[in-house]
Protein backbone atom coordinates (compact mmCIF):
# COMPACT_ATOMS: atom_id res chain seq x y z
CA UNK A 1 59.28 -72.57 -4.44
CA UNK A 2 59.09 -74.28 -7.79
CA UNK A 3 59.76 -77.93 -8.47
CA UNK A 4 63.11 -77.02 -10.10
CA UNK A 5 64.13 -75.07 -6.97
CA UNK A 6 63.93 -78.25 -4.93
CA UNK A 7 64.63 -81.02 -7.47
CA UNK A 8 67.13 -80.20 -10.22
CA UNK A 9 65.72 -82.83 -12.59
CA UNK A 10 62.39 -80.96 -12.66
CA UNK A 11 63.94 -78.64 -15.24
CA UNK A 12 63.79 -81.58 -17.65
CA UNK A 13 59.99 -81.66 -17.45
CA UNK A 14 59.35 -77.93 -17.88
CA UNK A 15 57.43 -76.67 -20.90
CA UNK A 16 60.28 -74.94 -22.66
CA UNK A 17 62.12 -75.17 -25.94
CA UNK A 18 65.39 -74.64 -24.11
CA UNK A 19 66.28 -76.97 -21.26
CA UNK A 20 68.49 -75.35 -18.67
CA UNK A 21 69.76 -77.62 -15.94
CA UNK A 22 70.89 -75.67 -12.91
CA UNK A 23 74.56 -76.20 -12.16
CA UNK A 24 74.83 -73.86 -9.20
CA UNK A 25 74.47 -76.69 -6.65
CA UNK A 26 72.05 -74.67 -4.49
CA UNK A 27 69.38 -77.38 -4.14
CA UNK A 28 70.47 -78.25 -0.60
CA UNK A 29 70.52 -74.56 0.36
CA UNK A 30 66.97 -74.18 -0.93
CA UNK A 31 65.82 -77.20 1.08
CA UNK A 32 67.50 -75.72 4.17
CA UNK A 33 65.62 -72.46 3.53
CA UNK A 34 62.31 -74.35 3.31
CA UNK A 35 63.06 -76.20 6.55
CA UNK A 36 63.95 -72.95 8.34
CA UNK A 37 60.80 -71.23 7.03
CA UNK A 38 58.61 -74.09 8.29
CA UNK A 39 60.41 -74.16 11.65
CA UNK A 40 59.91 -70.45 12.32
CA UNK A 41 56.53 -70.11 10.61
CA UNK A 42 54.91 -73.06 12.39
CA UNK A 43 56.03 -71.92 15.84
CA UNK A 44 54.79 -68.38 15.14
CA UNK A 45 51.42 -69.65 13.82
CA UNK A 46 50.84 -71.81 16.89
CA UNK A 47 51.76 -68.93 19.19
CA UNK A 48 49.44 -66.55 17.28
CA UNK A 49 46.54 -69.01 17.49
CA UNK A 50 47.02 -70.02 21.16
CA UNK A 51 48.42 -66.72 22.39
CA UNK A 52 51.30 -68.36 24.25
CA UNK A 53 54.58 -69.94 23.05
CA UNK A 54 53.56 -73.58 23.51
CA UNK A 55 56.08 -75.01 21.05
CA UNK A 56 59.72 -73.96 21.05
CA UNK A 57 62.84 -75.12 19.21
CA UNK A 58 60.85 -76.91 16.50
CA UNK A 59 62.99 -78.87 14.02
CA UNK A 60 61.33 -79.74 10.72
CA UNK A 61 63.38 -81.95 8.37
CA UNK A 62 62.42 -82.28 4.72
CA UNK A 63 63.51 -85.85 4.02
CA UNK A 64 61.94 -86.67 0.67
CA UNK A 65 60.28 -84.77 -2.13
CA UNK A 66 57.65 -86.83 -3.92
CA UNK A 67 56.54 -85.52 -7.27
CA UNK A 68 53.20 -86.23 -8.94
CA UNK A 69 53.38 -89.38 -11.06
CA UNK A 70 52.99 -87.50 -14.35
CA UNK A 71 55.84 -85.11 -13.48
CA UNK A 72 58.10 -87.96 -12.36
CA UNK A 73 57.30 -89.87 -15.57
CA UNK A 74 58.13 -86.80 -17.67
CA UNK A 75 61.46 -86.50 -15.86
CA UNK A 76 62.17 -90.21 -16.38
CA UNK A 77 61.34 -89.90 -20.08
CA UNK A 78 63.59 -86.87 -20.48
CA UNK A 79 66.46 -88.55 -18.66
CA UNK A 80 66.03 -91.61 -20.88
CA UNK A 81 66.15 -89.40 -23.96
CA UNK A 82 69.33 -87.71 -22.75
CA UNK A 83 70.85 -91.14 -22.06
CA UNK A 84 69.99 -92.17 -25.62
CA UNK A 85 71.66 -89.05 -27.00
CA UNK A 86 74.75 -89.72 -24.91
CA UNK A 87 74.87 -93.33 -26.13
CA UNK A 88 74.54 -92.19 -29.75
CA UNK A 89 77.32 -89.62 -29.26
CA UNK A 90 79.55 -92.34 -27.80
CA UNK A 91 78.79 -94.52 -30.84
CA UNK A 92 79.78 -91.67 -33.16
CA UNK A 93 83.04 -91.18 -31.29
CA UNK A 94 83.76 -94.92 -31.45
CA UNK A 95 83.04 -94.97 -35.20
CA UNK A 96 85.44 -92.04 -35.73
CA UNK A 97 88.16 -93.82 -33.76
CA UNK A 98 87.55 -97.03 -35.72
CA UNK A 99 87.80 -95.09 -38.99
CA UNK A 100 91.11 -93.54 -37.89
CA UNK A 101 92.42 -96.96 -36.89
CA UNK A 102 91.42 -98.47 -40.23
CA UNK A 103 93.01 -95.56 -42.12
CA UNK A 104 96.31 -96.10 -40.27
CA UNK A 105 96.17 -99.84 -40.95
CA UNK A 106 95.56 -99.14 -44.63
CA UNK A 107 98.55 -96.77 -44.72
CA UNK A 108 100.67 -99.62 -43.36
CA UNK A 109 99.27 -102.09 -45.89
CA UNK A 110 99.91 -99.61 -48.72
CA UNK A 111 103.54 -99.33 -47.58
CA UNK A 112 103.88 -103.11 -47.17
CA UNK A 113 101.39 -105.12 -49.26
CA UNK A 114 102.94 -108.40 -48.10
CA UNK A 115 102.23 -107.34 -44.50
CA UNK A 116 98.56 -106.97 -45.42
CA UNK A 117 98.47 -110.47 -46.92
CA UNK A 118 100.22 -111.89 -43.84
CA UNK A 119 97.71 -110.16 -41.57
CA UNK A 120 94.87 -111.51 -43.71
CA UNK A 121 96.22 -115.05 -43.48
CA UNK A 122 96.54 -114.72 -39.69
CA UNK A 123 92.82 -113.83 -39.50
CA UNK A 124 91.43 -116.61 -41.69
CA UNK A 125 89.24 -119.11 -39.86
CA UNK A 126 91.07 -122.16 -38.51
CA UNK A 127 90.86 -125.22 -40.70
CA UNK A 128 91.04 -123.45 -44.08
CA UNK A 129 93.50 -125.32 -46.24
CA UNK A 130 93.38 -123.14 -49.37
CA UNK A 131 92.98 -119.42 -49.82
CA UNK A 132 92.22 -118.33 -53.36
CA UNK A 133 91.20 -114.65 -53.51
CA UNK A 134 90.77 -114.72 -57.29
CA UNK A 135 92.78 -114.84 -60.45
CA UNK A 136 95.62 -117.30 -60.73
CA UNK A 137 96.78 -116.77 -57.15
CA UNK A 138 96.21 -119.32 -54.38
CA UNK A 139 97.86 -120.25 -51.13
CA UNK A 140 97.49 -123.81 -49.92
CA UNK A 141 98.50 -125.44 -46.70
CA UNK A 142 100.65 -128.50 -46.85
CA UNK A 143 98.55 -131.63 -46.44
CA UNK A 144 99.89 -134.78 -44.88
CA UNK A 145 100.66 -137.28 -47.59
CA UNK A 146 98.58 -140.45 -47.79
CA UNK A 147 100.98 -142.06 -50.25
CA UNK A 148 103.54 -144.35 -48.62
CA UNK A 149 107.01 -142.95 -48.80
CA UNK A 150 109.31 -145.37 -50.36
């Protein structure tokens, strides 16, 4: 058995230019085959050595597969790289959606320039009393009068 036969993520650490991750879901079947081979092989070996069937109905259970540290680290590194690629792809998708949203907003502002100015005013920081984007145009907020009304 190879590492990839027992642990699917081992394919990430193989020396190959093409990474193929098994999708057949047969990892548990392979482990069951290993367990069965050990169960029958061990009983047969003991009987061959001792000459009598001393052990019967042996049940070997493969509970954990520990990989060498360098192999496990290579797998961890590869999984981290794939996670980084996935995160970058999600960022690209979000940027495309944002661009589409902005394009639709701009279409609306082109159709209704006043709507764009109203939206802009709604998004100005609180406390601004005058908005002067340039030229001879300015919008000011009414200030409370300090002159006594008479």
